[in-house]
Amino acid sequence: MIERATGMPYRDYVTRHVFAPAGMERSGFLSMDVVEPDVAEGVEAIRDPVGAITGWRRNIYSYPPVGSPDGGAHVTADDLVRFHRAIVGGRLLGPELTAELLSPKERRSARGDGEYLIGYGFAFETDAAGRVRCYCKEGVNVGASAMLRHYPSANLTLVVLAVGEDAAFDAVRAVDRAVLGPSSAGQAGTA
């Protein structure tokens, strides 16, 4: 849709209209066959029937050779923080679209004493009174996991990038417990 509406290739559009205005200078669509400095390779453990690690597998066959609209952009933790600041600061969308992006839309399930809702890009967790406790966007694929999570009451933005499909979520759960309290334990992860 982006290519049709703008006449620009998807990757060029995102680079020019998202990465650049957000100040995401170390992010991009990198080719999987080129070794890039400071870019971690995704790997996943190979386990035997009882769960012991017997080796490691790279995730080079889990993504397209260069990132596409369904994933594969390479970003840094700092750049994801810059992305979030650009969103909430209104530098990527106008005020109305920013408000829509940062608002829950549809209930997905109960979550603790509140609810888990989805929106236009972010997922939201609310408390019993309907206040947003946190909102997030995760990225998961074989060999890699990531989470951008914002806690409005603490004005805290967390970014975790990890090697391993489930590797980011223990750290996120620990921060959830510290910021939201013990009842939030075990709730972070994919929807």
C-alpha atoms as a PDB file:
ATOM      1  CA  MET A   1       0.000   0.000   0.000  1.00  0.00           C
ATOM      2  CA  ILE A   2       2.855   2.392   0.841  1.00  0.00           C
ATOM      3  CA  GLU A   3       4.530   1.762  -2.502  1.00  0.00           C
ATOM      4  CA  ARG A   4       1.286   2.240  -4.394  1.00  0.00           C
ATOM      5  CA  ALA A   5       0.326   5.414  -2.490  1.00  0.00           C
ATOM      6  CA  THR A   6       3.752   7.073  -2.599  1.00  0.00           C
ATOM      7  CA  GLY A   7       5.426   5.664  -5.704  1.00  0.00           C
ATOM      8  CA  MET A   8       8.489   4.918  -3.539  1.00  0.00           C
ATOM      9  CA  PRO A   9       9.945   1.518  -2.642  1.00  0.00           C
ATOM     10  CA  TYR A  10       8.890   0.519   0.885  1.00  0.00           C
ATOM     11  CA  ARG A  11      12.429   0.518   2.299  1.00  0.00           C
ATOM     12  CA  ASP A  12      13.192   3.967   0.856  1.00  0.00           C
ATOM     13  CA  TYR A  13       9.947   5.375   2.235  1.00  0.00           C
ATOM     14  CA  VAL A  14      10.574   4.051   5.758  1.00  0.00           C
ATOM     15  CA  THR A  15      14.172   5.267   5.698  1.00  0.00           C
ATOM     16  CA  ARG A  16      13.179   8.756   4.563  1.00  0.00           C
ATOM     17  CA  HIS A  17       9.895   9.219   6.458  1.00  0.00           C
ATOM     18  CA  VAL A  18      10.423   7.211   9.662  1.00  0.00           C
ATOM     19  CA  PHE A  19      14.094   6.570  10.376  1.00  0.00           C
ATOM     20  CA  ALA A  20      15.362  10.025   9.312  1.00  0.00           C
ATOM     21  CA  PRO A  21      12.801  12.250  11.106  1.00  0.00           C
ATOM     22  CA  ALA A  22      13.056  10.077  14.229  1.00  0.00           C
ATOM     23  CA  GLY A  23      16.864  10.414  14.245  1.00  0.00           C
ATOM     24  CA  MET A  24      17.319   6.652  13.829  1.00  0.00           C
ATOM     25  CA  GLU A  25      20.787   6.942  12.305  1.00  0.00           C
ATOM     26  CA  ARG A  26      21.910   3.357  12.972  1.00  0.00           C
ATOM     27  CA  SER A  27      18.808   1.597  11.654  1.00  0.00           C
ATOM     28  CA  GLY A  28      18.121   0.232   8.214  1.00  0.00           C
ATOM     29  CA  PHE A  29      17.311  -2.665   5.941  1.00  0.00           C
ATOM     30  CA  LEU A  30      20.534  -4.645   5.826  1.00  0.00           C
ATOM     31  CA  SER A  31      21.296  -7.509   3.491  1.00  0.00           C
ATOM     32  CA  MET A  32      21.597 -10.824   5.328  1.00  0.00           C
ATOM     33  CA  ASP A  33      24.549 -11.903   3.165  1.00  0.00           C
ATOM     34  CA  VAL A  34      26.782  -8.984   4.200  1.00  0.00           C
ATOM     35  CA  VAL A  35      28.602  -8.896   7.531  1.00  0.00           C
ATOM     36  CA  GLU A  36      27.760  -5.570   9.171  1.00  0.00           C
ATOM     37  CA  PRO A  37      29.706  -4.153  12.110  1.00  0.00           C
ATOM     38  CA  ASP A  38      27.809  -4.052  15.409  1.00  0.00           C
ATOM     39  CA  VAL A  39      24.940  -6.226  14.125  1.00  0.00           C
ATOM     40  CA  ALA A  40      24.173  -9.309  16.187  1.00  0.00           C
ATOM     41  CA  GLU A  41      23.355 -12.525  14.379  1.00  0.00           C
ATOM     42  CA  GLY A  42      20.167 -14.260  15.458  1.00  0.00           C
ATOM     43  CA  VAL A  43      20.652 -17.777  16.716  1.00  0.00           C
ATOM     44  CA  GLU A  44      18.463 -20.367  18.358  1.00  0.00           C
ATOM     45  CA  ALA A  45      19.434 -23.314  20.510  1.00  0.00           C
ATOM     46  CA  ILE A  46      19.141 -26.832  19.106  1.00  0.00           C
ATOM     47  CA  ARG A  47      17.838 -29.036  21.900  1.00  0.00           C
ATOM     48  CA  ASP A  48      17.694 -32.761  22.402  1.00  0.00           C
ATOM     49  CA  PRO A  49      14.455 -34.498  23.500  1.00  0.00           C
ATOM     50  CA  VAL A  50      15.075 -33.669  27.179  1.00  0.00           C
ATOM     51  CA  GLY A  51      15.814 -30.006  26.492  1.00  0.00           C
ATOM     52  CA  ALA A  52      19.616 -29.958  26.725  1.00  0.00           C
ATOM     53  CA  ILE A  53      21.363 -27.662  24.244  1.00  0.00           C
ATOM     54  CA  THR A  54      23.278 -29.676  21.663  1.00  0.00           C
ATOM     55  CA  GLY A  55      24.194 -26.865  19.262  1.00  0.00           C
ATOM     56  CA  TRP A  56      23.145 -23.562  17.737  1.00  0.00           C
ATOM     57  CA  ARG A  57      21.355 -22.662  14.512  1.00  0.00           C
ATOM     58  CA  ARG A  58      21.582 -19.274  12.762  1.00  0.00           C
ATOM     59  CA  ASN A  59      18.306 -17.751  11.646  1.00  0.00           C
ATOM     60  CA  ILE A  60      19.440 -16.871   8.120  1.00  0.00           C
ATOM     61  CA  TYR A  61      16.597 -18.873   6.553  1.00  0.00           C
ATOM     62  CA  SER A  62      13.931 -17.299   8.776  1.00  0.00           C
ATOM     63  CA  TYR A  63      13.901 -13.853   7.169  1.00  0.00           C
ATOM     64  CA  PRO A  64      13.911 -12.509   3.644  1.00  0.00           C
ATOM     65  CA  PRO A  65      17.419 -11.594   2.417  1.00  0.00           C
ATOM     66  CA  VAL A  66      16.627  -7.899   3.027  1.00  0.00           C
ATOM     67  CA  GLY A  67      13.926  -6.687   5.422  1.00  0.00           C
ATOM     68  CA  SER A  68      10.404  -6.141   4.132  1.00  0.00           C
ATOM     69  CA  PRO A  69       7.086  -4.799   5.481  1.00  0.00           C
ATOM     70  CA  ASP A  70       6.542  -7.921   7.584  1.00  0.00           C
ATOM     71  CA  GLY A  71       9.863  -7.488   9.426  1.00  0.00           C
ATOM     72  CA  GLY A  72      13.583  -7.512   9.095  1.00  0.00           C
ATOM     73  CA  ALA A  73      14.609  -3.915   9.699  1.00  0.00           C
ATOM     74  CA  HIS A  74      17.738  -3.773  11.846  1.00  0.00           C
ATOM     75  CA  VAL A  75      17.564  -1.266  14.705  1.00  0.00           C
ATOM     76  CA  THR A  76      19.490  -0.372  17.822  1.00  0.00           C
ATOM     77  CA  ALA A  77      18.020   0.039  21.294  1.00  0.00           C
ATOM     78  CA  ASP A  78      18.885   3.754  21.207  1.00  0.00           C
ATOM     79  CA  ASP A  79      17.129   4.126  17.857  1.00  0.00           C
ATOM     80  CA  LEU A  80      13.977   2.460  19.197  1.00  0.00           C
ATOM     81  CA  VAL A  81      13.954   4.958  22.076  1.00  0.00           C
ATOM     82  CA  ARG A  82      14.345   7.743  19.479  1.00  0.00           C
ATOM     83  CA  PHE A  83      11.452   6.218  17.506  1.00  0.00           C
ATOM     84  CA  HIS A  84       9.197   6.253  20.571  1.00  0.00           C
ATOM     85  CA  ARG A  85      10.156   9.843  21.404  1.00  0.00           C
ATOM     86  CA  ALA A  86       9.425  10.868  17.819  1.00  0.00           C
ATOM     87  CA  ILE A  87       5.979   9.264  18.016  1.00  0.00           C
ATOM     88  CA  VAL A  88       4.948  10.810  21.344  1.00  0.00           C
ATOM     89  CA  GLY A  89       6.545  14.108  20.319  1.00  0.00           C
ATOM     90  CA  GLY A  90       4.385  14.235  17.186  1.00  0.00           C
ATOM     91  CA  ARG A  91       7.283  14.235  14.724  1.00  0.00           C
ATOM     92  CA  LEU A  92       6.068  11.235  12.702  1.00  0.00           C
ATOM     93  CA  LEU A  93       2.296  11.753  12.619  1.00  0.00           C
ATOM     94  CA  GLY A  94      -0.025  14.697  13.147  1.00  0.00           C
ATOM     95  CA  PRO A  95      -1.779  15.159  16.511  1.00  0.00           C
ATOM     96  CA  GLU A  96      -4.926  13.231  15.568  1.00  0.00           C
ATOM     97  CA  LEU A  97      -3.076  10.208  14.152  1.00  0.00           C
ATOM     98  CA  THR A  98      -0.640  10.213  17.085  1.00  0.00           C
ATOM     99  CA  ALA A  99      -3.600  10.113  19.511  1.00  0.00           C
ATOM    100  CA  GLU A 100      -5.133   7.233  17.536  1.00  0.00           C
ATOM    101  CA  LEU A 101      -1.842   5.316  17.496  1.00  0.00           C
ATOM    102  CA  LEU A 102      -1.431   5.694  21.267  1.00  0.00           C
ATOM    103  CA  SER A 103      -4.992   4.599  22.118  1.00  0.00           C
ATOM    104  CA  PRO A 104      -6.246   1.054  22.692  1.00  0.00           C
ATOM    105  CA  LYS A 105      -8.907  -0.091  20.226  1.00  0.00           C
ATOM    106  CA  GLU A 106     -10.107  -3.657  20.761  1.00  0.00           C
ATOM    107  CA  ARG A 107     -10.188  -5.912  23.808  1.00  0.00           C
ATOM    108  CA  ARG A 108      -8.230  -9.080  23.259  1.00  0.00           C
ATOM    109  CA  SER A 109      -8.362 -10.706  26.705  1.00  0.00           C
ATOM    110  CA  ALA A 110      -8.321 -10.240  30.449  1.00  0.00           C
ATOM    111  CA  ARG A 111      -4.871  -9.475  31.846  1.00  0.00           C
ATOM    112  CA  GLY A 112      -4.469  -9.651  35.623  1.00  0.00           C
ATOM    113  CA  ASP A 113      -7.028  -7.259  37.144  1.00  0.00           C
ATOM    114  CA  GLY A 114      -7.280  -5.342  33.868  1.00  0.00           C
ATOM    115  CA  GLU A 115      -7.380  -6.001  30.160  1.00  0.00           C
ATOM    116  CA  TYR A 116      -5.096  -6.613  27.213  1.00  0.00           C
ATOM    117  CA  LEU A 117      -6.104  -4.523  24.209  1.00  0.00           C
ATOM    118  CA  ILE A 118      -4.747  -4.055  20.719  1.00  0.00           C
ATOM    119  CA  GLY A 119      -4.441  -0.868  18.724  1.00  0.00           C
ATOM    120  CA  TYR A 120      -2.838   0.423  15.541  1.00  0.00           C
ATOM    121  CA  GLY A 121       0.630  -1.022  16.123  1.00  0.00           C
ATOM    122  CA  PHE A 122       0.831  -1.187  19.904  1.00  0.00           C
ATOM    123  CA  ALA A 123      -0.693  -3.547  22.451  1.00  0.00           C
ATOM    124  CA  PHE A 124      -1.994  -2.048  25.709  1.00  0.00           C
ATOM    125  CA  GLU A 125      -2.406  -3.353  29.242  1.00  0.00           C
ATOM    126  CA  THR A 126      -4.893  -1.579  31.488  1.00  0.00           C
ATOM    127  CA  ASP A 127      -5.614  -1.730  35.215  1.00  0.00           C
ATOM    128  CA  ALA A 128      -9.020  -2.449  36.771  1.00  0.00           C
ATOM    129  CA  ALA A 129     -10.034   1.218  36.298  1.00  0.00           C
ATOM    130  CA  GLY A 130      -9.163   1.135  32.585  1.00  0.00           C
ATOM    131  CA  ARG A 131      -5.984   3.238  32.884  1.00  0.00           C
ATOM    132  CA  VAL A 132      -3.128   2.219  30.583  1.00  0.00           C
ATOM    133  CA  ARG A 133      -0.439   0.551  32.718  1.00  0.00           C
ATOM    134  CA  CYS A 134       1.870   0.037  29.744  1.00  0.00           C
ATOM    135  CA  TYR A 135       1.860  -0.261  25.990  1.00  0.00           C
ATOM    136  CA  CYS A 136       4.280  -2.172  23.806  1.00  0.00           C
ATOM    137  CA  LYS A 137       5.336  -3.527  20.471  1.00  0.00           C
ATOM    138  CA  GLU A 138       7.282  -6.753  20.303  1.00  0.00           C
ATOM    139  CA  GLY A 139       9.195  -8.333  17.491  1.00  0.00           C
ATOM    140  CA  VAL A 140       9.867 -12.058  17.508  1.00  0.00           C
ATOM    141  CA  ASN A 141      11.355 -14.451  15.018  1.00  0.00           C
ATOM    142  CA  VAL A 142      13.610 -17.458  15.129  1.00  0.00           C
ATOM    143  CA  GLY A 143      16.853 -16.313  16.758  1.00  0.00           C
ATOM    144  CA  ALA A 144      15.730 -12.841  17.803  1.00  0.00           C
ATOM    145  CA  SER A 145      13.281 -11.071  20.099  1.00  0.00           C
ATOM    146  CA  ALA A 146      12.675  -7.456  20.941  1.00  0.00           C
ATOM    147  CA  MET A 147      10.342  -5.310  23.001  1.00  0.00           C
ATOM    148  CA  LEU A 148       9.634  -1.611  23.117  1.00  0.00           C
ATOM    149  CA  ARG A 149       7.489  -1.005  26.207  1.00  0.00           C
ATOM    150  CA  HIS A 150       6.331   2.278  27.749  1.00  0.00           C
ATOM    151  CA  TYR A 151       4.999   2.733  31.297  1.00  0.00           C
ATOM    152  CA  PRO A 152       3.046   6.039  31.299  1.00  0.00           C
ATOM    153  CA  SER A 153       2.744   6.418  35.092  1.00  0.00           C
ATOM    154  CA  ALA A 154       6.538   6.153  35.483  1.00  0.00           C
ATOM    155  CA  ASN A 155       7.307   7.943  32.186  1.00  0.00           C
ATOM    156  CA  LEU A 156       9.668   5.052  31.492  1.00  0.00           C
ATOM    157  CA  THR A 157      10.424   3.528  28.106  1.00  0.00           C
ATOM    158  CA  LEU A 158      12.079   0.114  28.037  1.00  0.00           C
ATOM    159  CA  VAL A 159      13.774  -1.403  25.004  1.00  0.00           C
ATOM    160  CA  VAL A 160      15.141  -4.947  25.081  1.00  0.00           C
ATOM    161  CA  LEU A 161      16.847  -6.527  22.070  1.00  0.00           C
ATOM    162  CA  ALA A 162      17.918 -10.131  22.486  1.00  0.00           C
ATOM    163  CA  VAL A 163      19.414 -13.049  20.611  1.00  0.00           C
ATOM    164  CA  GLY A 164      16.919 -15.905  20.922  1.00  0.00           C
ATOM    165  CA  GLU A 165      13.212 -16.157  20.165  1.00  0.00           C
ATOM    166  CA  ASP A 166      12.157 -15.894  23.825  1.00  0.00           C
ATOM    167  CA  ALA A 167      15.256 -14.192  25.245  1.00  0.00           C
ATOM    168  CA  ALA A 168      13.816 -10.673  25.709  1.00  0.00           C
ATOM    169  CA  PHE A 169      10.878 -11.577  27.901  1.00  0.00           C
ATOM    170  CA  ASP A 170      12.536 -12.483  31.222  1.00  0.00           C
ATOM    171  CA  ALA A 171      14.074  -9.001  31.335  1.00  0.00           C
ATOM    172  CA  VAL A 172      10.728  -7.401  30.456  1.00  0.00           C
ATOM    173  CA  ARG A 173       8.931  -9.395  33.173  1.00  0.00           C
ATOM    174  CA  ALA A 174      11.532  -8.241  35.716  1.00  0.00           C
ATOM    175  CA  VAL A 175      10.965  -4.596  34.794  1.00  0.00           C
ATOM    176  CA  ASP A 176       7.183  -5.165  34.875  1.00  0.00           C
ATOM    177  CA  ARG A 177       7.474  -6.443  38.453  1.00  0.00           C
ATOM    178  CA  ALA A 178       9.641  -3.461  39.459  1.00  0.00           C
ATOM    179  CA  VAL A 179       7.421  -0.836  37.813  1.00  0.00           C
ATOM    180  CA  LEU A 180       3.924  -2.359  37.939  1.00  0.00           C
ATOM    181  CA  GLY A 181       4.203  -4.602  40.987  1.00  0.00           C
ATOM    182  CA  PRO A 182       4.332  -8.333  41.640  1.00  0.00           C
ATOM    183  CA  SER A 183       0.906  -9.033  40.113  1.00  0.00           C
ATOM    184  CA  SER A 184       2.368  -8.257  36.671  1.00  0.00           C
ATOM    185  CA  ALA A 185       4.855 -11.155  36.792  1.00  0.00           C
ATOM    186  CA  GLY A 186       4.592 -13.534  33.863  1.00  0.00           C
ATOM    187  CA  GLN A 187       2.477 -11.265  31.677  1.00  0.00           C
ATOM    188  CA  ALA A 188       5.135  -9.978  29.254  1.00  0.00           C
ATOM    189  CA  GLY A 189       5.576 -11.846  26.027  1.00  0.00           C
ATOM    190  CA  THR A 190       3.906 -12.303  22.731  1.00  0.00           C
ATOM    191  CA  ALA A 191       0.173 -11.992  22.394  1.00  0.00           C
END
